[in-house]
């Protein structure tokens, strides 16, 4: 079963935010190229990439696992943005704006999990048959 990640609000938001994270982290000090800059970018990419990979998985269980990983990565980006602001690498305004965007991504992903695990949306399981 192939799902289209581009139809997910969470993916569209996360995909746009990756570009913003790249722009904001481009101003990091050179000493952070392989540290906080790289980690922030990888975590931002991970949100969208895990949704793409999850959508390509056959089972709902695998799909949910990748959505869960995307939630974790979005939370990681929020932390890294806050840390970057405290270190003076990004402005408070940029950190708050991007953090708010990732907050919206997390809410959309949590709604997706709820809809996928809700009894009304699950496919009925075939009855177990005896020998």
N, C-alpha and C. Protein backbone atom coordinates (compact mmCIF):
# COMPACT_ATOMS: atom_id res chain seq x y z
N UNK A 1 0.84 -1.17 0.00
CA UNK A 1 0.00 0.00 0.00
C UNK A 1 0.89 1.24 0.00
N UNK A 2 0.69 2.08 -0.95
CA UNK A 2 1.48 3.30 -1.03
C UNK A 2 0.59 4.49 -0.70
N UNK A 3 1.06 5.32 0.20
CA UNK A 3 0.35 6.52 0.61
C UNK A 3 1.12 7.71 0.05
N UNK A 4 0.42 8.80 -0.20
CA UNK A 4 1.08 10.00 -0.74
C UNK A 4 1.38 10.96 0.41
N UNK A 5 2.66 11.11 0.78
CA UNK A 5 2.98 12.01 1.89
C UNK A 5 2.61 13.46 1.61
N UNK A 6 2.57 13.84 0.34
CA UNK A 6 2.26 15.23 -0.01
C UNK A 6 0.82 15.60 0.34
N UNK A 7 0.00 14.61 0.64
CA UNK A 7 -1.38 14.88 1.04
C UNK A 7 -1.52 15.07 2.54
N UNK A 8 -0.42 14.88 3.27
CA UNK A 8 -0.43 15.05 4.72
C UNK A 8 -0.05 16.48 5.09
N UNK A 9 -0.88 17.11 5.90
CA UNK A 9 -0.57 18.46 6.37
C UNK A 9 0.79 18.48 7.07
N UNK A 10 1.05 17.47 7.88
CA UNK A 10 2.31 17.41 8.64
C UNK A 10 3.51 17.39 7.69
N UNK A 11 3.41 16.65 6.60
CA UNK A 11 4.52 16.59 5.66
C UNK A 11 4.74 17.93 4.98
N UNK A 12 3.68 18.55 4.52
CA UNK A 12 3.80 19.84 3.83
C UNK A 12 4.45 20.87 4.75
N UNK A 13 3.99 20.92 6.00
CA UNK A 13 4.59 21.86 6.96
C UNK A 13 6.06 21.53 7.22
N UNK A 14 6.35 20.25 7.47
CA UNK A 14 7.73 19.83 7.77
C UNK A 14 8.66 20.10 6.59
N UNK A 15 8.17 19.84 5.40
CA UNK A 15 8.97 20.05 4.20
C UNK A 15 9.33 21.53 4.04
N UNK A 16 8.38 22.40 4.28
CA UNK A 16 8.66 23.85 4.21
C UNK A 16 9.63 24.28 5.31
N UNK A 17 9.48 23.70 6.49
CA UNK A 17 10.34 24.08 7.61
C UNK A 17 11.80 23.67 7.40
N UNK A 18 12.04 22.59 6.68
CA UNK A 18 13.43 22.17 6.41
C UNK A 18 14.18 23.31 5.72
N UNK A 19 13.55 23.92 4.75
CA UNK A 19 14.19 25.02 4.02
C UNK A 19 14.48 26.17 4.97
N UNK A 20 13.53 26.48 5.85
CA UNK A 20 13.74 27.55 6.82
C UNK A 20 14.87 27.24 7.78
N UNK A 21 14.94 25.99 8.24
CA UNK A 21 16.02 25.60 9.15
C UNK A 21 17.37 25.75 8.45
N UNK A 22 17.45 25.36 7.19
CA UNK A 22 18.70 25.52 6.44
C UNK A 22 19.10 27.00 6.35
N UNK A 23 18.13 27.84 6.07
CA UNK A 23 18.42 29.28 5.95
C UNK A 23 18.91 29.87 7.27
N UNK A 24 18.22 29.53 8.35
CA UNK A 24 18.57 30.09 9.66
C UNK A 24 19.93 29.55 10.13
N UNK A 25 20.18 28.28 9.91
CA UNK A 25 21.44 27.69 10.39
C UNK A 25 22.62 28.04 9.49
N UNK A 26 22.37 28.62 8.33
CA UNK A 26 23.47 29.04 7.45
C UNK A 26 24.32 30.12 8.11
N UNK A 27 23.73 30.81 9.08
CA UNK A 27 24.45 31.90 9.76
C UNK A 27 25.20 31.42 11.01
N UNK A 28 25.19 30.13 11.26
CA UNK A 28 25.91 29.61 12.43
C UNK A 28 27.41 29.82 12.26
N UNK A 29 28.13 29.88 13.36
CA UNK A 29 29.60 30.00 13.26
C UNK A 29 30.20 28.77 12.56
N UNK A 30 31.29 28.98 11.88
CA UNK A 30 31.96 27.88 11.17
C UNK A 30 32.29 26.73 12.12
N UNK A 31 32.61 27.04 13.36
CA UNK A 31 32.95 26.00 14.34
C UNK A 31 31.78 25.05 14.59
N UNK A 32 30.56 25.47 14.25
CA UNK A 32 29.38 24.62 14.47
C UNK A 32 28.96 23.84 13.23
N UNK A 33 29.75 23.92 12.17
CA UNK A 33 29.40 23.24 10.92
C UNK A 33 29.12 21.76 11.14
N UNK A 34 29.93 21.09 11.96
CA UNK A 34 29.76 19.65 12.18
C UNK A 34 29.11 19.35 13.52
N UNK A 35 28.63 20.39 14.18
CA UNK A 35 27.99 20.24 15.48
C UNK A 35 26.51 20.56 15.40
N UNK A 36 26.16 21.66 16.02
CA UNK A 36 24.76 22.04 16.14
C UNK A 36 24.11 22.34 14.78
N UNK A 37 24.84 22.91 13.87
CA UNK A 37 24.28 23.19 12.55
C UNK A 37 23.89 21.88 11.85
N UNK A 38 24.81 20.94 11.82
CA UNK A 38 24.56 19.66 11.17
C UNK A 38 23.43 18.89 11.85
N UNK A 39 23.44 18.86 13.18
CA UNK A 39 22.42 18.13 13.92
C UNK A 39 21.04 18.74 13.70
N UNK A 40 20.95 20.06 13.69
CA UNK A 40 19.67 20.74 13.47
C UNK A 40 19.13 20.42 12.08
N UNK A 41 19.98 20.45 11.10
CA UNK A 41 19.56 20.16 9.73
C UNK A 41 19.14 18.70 9.57
N UNK A 42 19.92 17.79 10.15
CA UNK A 42 19.58 16.37 10.03
C UNK A 42 18.26 16.05 10.72
N UNK A 43 18.02 16.66 11.88
CA UNK A 43 16.76 16.42 12.59
C UNK A 43 15.59 16.99 11.79
N UNK A 44 15.77 18.17 11.18
CA UNK A 44 14.70 18.77 10.38
C UNK A 44 14.38 17.90 9.17
N UNK A 45 15.40 17.41 8.50
CA UNK A 45 15.19 16.53 7.35
C UNK A 45 14.51 15.25 7.78
N UNK A 46 14.88 14.75 8.94
CA UNK A 46 14.35 13.49 9.45
C UNK A 46 12.83 13.50 9.60
N UNK A 47 12.27 14.64 9.96
CA UNK A 47 10.81 14.72 10.13
C UNK A 47 10.13 14.37 8.81
N UNK A 48 10.46 15.11 7.77
CA UNK A 48 9.83 14.88 6.46
C UNK A 48 10.23 13.53 5.87
N UNK A 49 11.50 13.16 6.00
CA UNK A 49 11.98 11.91 5.41
C UNK A 49 11.32 10.69 6.04
N UNK A 50 11.10 10.73 7.35
CA UNK A 50 10.44 9.60 8.00
C UNK A 50 8.98 9.49 7.59
N UNK A 51 8.34 10.61 7.32
CA UNK A 51 6.97 10.53 6.81
C UNK A 51 6.94 9.92 5.42
N UNK A 52 7.89 10.29 4.58
CA UNK A 52 7.97 9.71 3.24
C UNK A 52 8.21 8.20 3.33
N UNK A 53 9.17 7.81 4.17
CA UNK A 53 9.47 6.39 4.30
C UNK A 53 8.29 5.63 4.90
N UNK A 54 7.65 6.19 5.92
CA UNK A 54 6.49 5.54 6.53
C UNK A 54 5.36 5.35 5.54
N UNK A 55 5.13 6.35 4.71
CA UNK A 55 4.06 6.25 3.71
C UNK A 55 4.32 5.13 2.71
N UNK A 56 5.57 4.79 2.51
CA UNK A 56 5.92 3.74 1.54
C UNK A 56 5.85 2.34 2.15
N UNK A 57 5.71 2.25 3.46
CA UNK A 57 5.66 0.94 4.11
C UNK A 57 4.30 0.30 3.90
N UNK A 58 4.31 -1.02 3.89
CA UNK A 58 3.09 -1.77 3.62
C UNK A 58 2.14 -1.84 4.81
N UNK A 59 2.68 -2.05 5.97
CA UNK A 59 1.79 -2.26 7.12
C UNK A 59 1.52 -0.96 7.87
N UNK A 60 0.36 -0.93 8.48
CA UNK A 60 -0.02 0.23 9.29
C UNK A 60 0.91 0.35 10.50
N UNK A 61 1.32 -0.79 11.04
CA UNK A 61 2.22 -0.78 12.19
C UNK A 61 3.55 -0.09 11.85
N UNK A 62 4.11 -0.43 10.69
CA UNK A 62 5.37 0.21 10.26
C UNK A 62 5.14 1.71 10.02
N UNK A 63 4.03 2.03 9.39
CA UNK A 63 3.69 3.42 9.11
C UNK A 63 3.65 4.22 10.42
N UNK A 64 2.95 3.68 11.41
CA UNK A 64 2.86 4.34 12.71
C UNK A 64 4.23 4.50 13.37
N UNK A 65 5.09 3.51 13.20
CA UNK A 65 6.43 3.59 13.77
C UNK A 65 7.20 4.79 13.19
N UNK A 66 7.12 4.97 11.90
CA UNK A 66 7.82 6.09 11.26
C UNK A 66 7.19 7.44 11.62
N UNK A 67 5.87 7.46 11.80
CA UNK A 67 5.23 8.69 12.27
C UNK A 67 5.73 9.03 13.67
N UNK A 68 5.89 8.01 14.50
CA UNK A 68 6.43 8.23 15.85
C UNK A 68 7.85 8.76 15.81
N UNK A 69 8.65 8.25 14.91
CA UNK A 69 10.03 8.74 14.77
C UNK A 69 10.01 10.21 14.32
N UNK A 70 9.09 10.54 13.41
CA UNK A 70 8.97 11.92 12.94
C UNK A 70 8.60 12.86 14.09
N UNK A 71 7.72 12.40 14.98
CA UNK A 71 7.36 13.21 16.15
C UNK A 71 8.59 13.46 17.01
N UNK A 72 9.39 12.42 17.22
CA UNK A 72 10.61 12.58 18.00
C UNK A 72 11.59 13.54 17.36
N UNK A 73 11.73 13.46 16.05
CA UNK A 73 12.65 14.37 15.34
C UNK A 73 12.16 15.81 15.40
N UNK A 74 10.85 16.01 15.28
CA UNK A 74 10.30 17.37 15.38
C UNK A 74 10.54 17.94 16.77
N UNK A 75 10.41 17.11 17.78
CA UNK A 75 10.69 17.56 19.15
C UNK A 75 12.17 17.90 19.31
N UNK A 76 13.03 17.10 18.68
CA UNK A 76 14.47 17.36 18.73
C UNK A 76 14.79 18.70 18.09
N UNK A 77 14.20 19.00 16.94
CA UNK A 77 14.46 20.27 16.27
C UNK A 77 14.06 21.43 17.17
N UNK A 78 12.91 21.30 17.83
CA UNK A 78 12.47 22.38 18.73
C UNK A 78 13.50 22.62 19.82
N UNK A 79 14.01 21.55 20.40
CA UNK A 79 15.03 21.72 21.44
C UNK A 79 16.28 22.38 20.88
N UNK A 80 16.75 21.91 19.73
CA UNK A 80 17.97 22.45 19.13
C UNK A 80 17.82 23.92 18.77
N UNK A 81 16.64 24.33 18.33
CA UNK A 81 16.40 25.73 18.02
C UNK A 81 16.47 26.59 19.28
N UNK A 82 15.88 26.08 20.36
CA UNK A 82 15.94 26.81 21.63
C UNK A 82 17.37 26.94 22.13
N UNK A 83 18.12 25.86 22.02
CA UNK A 83 19.53 25.87 22.42
C UNK A 83 20.32 26.86 21.56
N UNK A 84 20.06 26.83 20.27
CA UNK A 84 20.75 27.74 19.35
C UNK A 84 20.47 29.19 19.69
N UNK A 85 19.24 29.48 20.10
CA UNK A 85 18.90 30.86 20.50
C UNK A 85 19.64 31.23 21.78
N UNK A 86 19.68 30.31 22.74
CA UNK A 86 20.38 30.60 24.00
C UNK A 86 21.87 30.83 23.78
N UNK A 87 22.42 30.16 22.78
CA UNK A 87 23.84 30.33 22.46
C UNK A 87 24.10 31.55 21.56
N UNK A 88 23.03 32.18 21.10
CA UNK A 88 23.18 33.37 20.27
C UNK A 88 23.42 33.07 18.80
N UNK A 89 23.15 31.84 18.38
CA UNK A 89 23.36 31.48 16.97
C UNK A 89 22.17 31.85 16.09
N UNK A 90 20.98 31.90 16.68
CA UNK A 90 19.78 32.33 15.95
C UNK A 90 19.05 33.34 16.83
N UNK A 91 18.27 34.18 16.19
CA UNK A 91 17.50 35.17 16.95
C UNK A 91 16.35 34.47 17.67
N UNK A 92 15.92 35.10 18.76
CA UNK A 92 14.76 34.58 19.51
C UNK A 92 13.55 34.52 18.58
N UNK A 93 13.42 35.53 17.73
CA UNK A 93 12.28 35.59 16.81
C UNK A 93 12.28 34.38 15.87
N UNK A 94 13.43 34.10 15.25
CA UNK A 94 13.52 32.94 14.34
C UNK A 94 13.28 31.63 15.10
N UNK A 95 13.87 31.51 16.27
CA UNK A 95 13.71 30.28 17.05
C UNK A 95 12.24 30.08 17.43
N UNK A 96 11.58 31.13 17.86
CA UNK A 96 10.16 31.03 18.24
C UNK A 96 9.28 30.71 17.05
N UNK A 97 9.56 31.36 15.93
CA UNK A 97 8.77 31.13 14.71
C UNK A 97 8.89 29.68 14.25
N UNK A 98 10.13 29.20 14.18
CA UNK A 98 10.35 27.82 13.74
C UNK A 98 9.83 26.81 14.76
N UNK A 99 10.02 27.09 16.03
CA UNK A 99 9.52 26.21 17.07
C UNK A 99 8.00 26.10 17.00
N UNK A 100 7.35 27.22 16.75
CA UNK A 100 5.89 27.20 16.57
C UNK A 100 5.48 26.36 15.38
N UNK A 101 6.25 26.46 14.31
CA UNK A 101 5.98 25.64 13.13
C UNK A 101 6.10 24.15 13.44
N UNK A 102 7.14 23.80 14.18
CA UNK A 102 7.31 22.39 14.55
C UNK A 102 6.25 21.96 15.55
N UNK A 103 5.76 22.88 16.36
CA UNK A 103 4.64 22.57 17.25
C UNK A 103 3.40 22.18 16.44
N UNK A 104 3.16 22.90 15.35
CA UNK A 104 2.03 22.57 14.46
C UNK A 104 2.24 21.22 13.79
N UNK A 105 3.50 20.92 13.41
CA UNK A 105 3.80 19.62 12.80
C UNK A 105 3.51 18.51 13.81
N UNK A 106 3.95 18.69 15.03
CA UNK A 106 3.74 17.67 16.07
C UNK A 106 2.25 17.44 16.29
N UNK A 107 1.47 18.51 16.37
CA UNK A 107 0.01 18.36 16.54
C UNK A 107 -0.60 17.60 15.38
N UNK A 108 -0.17 17.93 14.16
CA UNK A 108 -0.71 17.23 12.98
C UNK A 108 -0.33 15.75 13.01
N UNK A 109 0.90 15.46 13.43
CA UNK A 109 1.34 14.06 13.51
C UNK A 109 0.59 13.32 14.61
N UNK A 110 0.36 13.96 15.73
CA UNK A 110 -0.40 13.32 16.81
C UNK A 110 -1.84 13.05 16.37
N UNK A 111 -2.41 13.95 15.60
CA UNK A 111 -3.76 13.73 15.06
C UNK A 111 -3.76 12.55 14.09
N UNK A 112 -2.70 12.44 13.31
CA UNK A 112 -2.58 11.32 12.38
C UNK A 112 -2.52 10.00 13.15
N UNK A 113 -1.72 9.96 14.21
CA UNK A 113 -1.62 8.76 15.03
C UNK A 113 -2.99 8.41 15.60
N UNK A 114 -3.69 9.40 16.12
CA UNK A 114 -5.02 9.16 16.69
C UNK A 114 -5.97 8.59 15.65
N UNK A 115 -5.94 9.16 14.46
CA UNK A 115 -6.85 8.67 13.42
C UNK A 115 -6.48 7.25 12.96
N UNK A 116 -5.20 6.94 12.96
CA UNK A 116 -4.78 5.60 12.53
C UNK A 116 -5.02 4.54 13.59
N UNK A 117 -5.07 4.93 14.84
CA UNK A 117 -5.24 3.96 15.92
C UNK A 117 -6.66 3.93 16.46
N UNK A 118 -7.51 4.81 15.99
CA UNK A 118 -8.88 4.86 16.44
C UNK A 118 -9.63 3.62 15.96
N UNK A 119 -10.46 3.02 16.81
CA UNK A 119 -11.20 1.80 16.41
C UNK A 119 -12.09 2.02 15.20
N UNK A 120 -12.59 3.24 15.00
CA UNK A 120 -13.48 3.50 13.86
C UNK A 120 -12.75 3.45 12.53
N UNK A 121 -11.45 3.76 12.54
CA UNK A 121 -10.72 3.83 11.27
C UNK A 121 -9.93 2.56 10.97
N UNK A 122 -9.82 1.68 11.94
CA UNK A 122 -9.08 0.44 11.71
C UNK A 122 -9.88 -0.52 10.85
N UNK A 123 -9.17 -1.28 10.04
CA UNK A 123 -9.81 -2.31 9.24
C UNK A 123 -10.23 -3.44 10.18
N UNK A 124 -11.38 -4.00 9.94
CA UNK A 124 -11.77 -5.12 10.80
C UNK A 124 -10.85 -6.31 10.58
N UNK A 125 -10.53 -6.96 11.68
CA UNK A 125 -9.69 -8.15 11.59
C UNK A 125 -10.57 -9.35 11.30
N UNK A 126 -10.07 -10.24 10.47
CA UNK A 126 -10.86 -11.45 10.23
C UNK A 126 -10.96 -12.26 11.52
N UNK A 127 -12.08 -12.90 11.71
CA UNK A 127 -12.28 -13.73 12.89
C UNK A 127 -11.29 -14.88 12.88
N UNK A 128 -10.81 -15.21 14.07
CA UNK A 128 -9.91 -16.36 14.20
C UNK A 128 -10.73 -17.61 13.99
N UNK A 129 -10.19 -18.50 13.22
CA UNK A 129 -10.91 -19.75 12.93
C UNK A 129 -10.19 -20.90 13.56
N UNK A 130 -10.94 -21.75 14.15
CA UNK A 130 -10.38 -22.94 14.78
C UNK A 130 -10.02 -24.01 13.78
N UNK A 131 -9.38 -25.06 14.25
CA UNK A 131 -8.97 -26.14 13.33
C UNK A 131 -10.09 -26.91 12.75
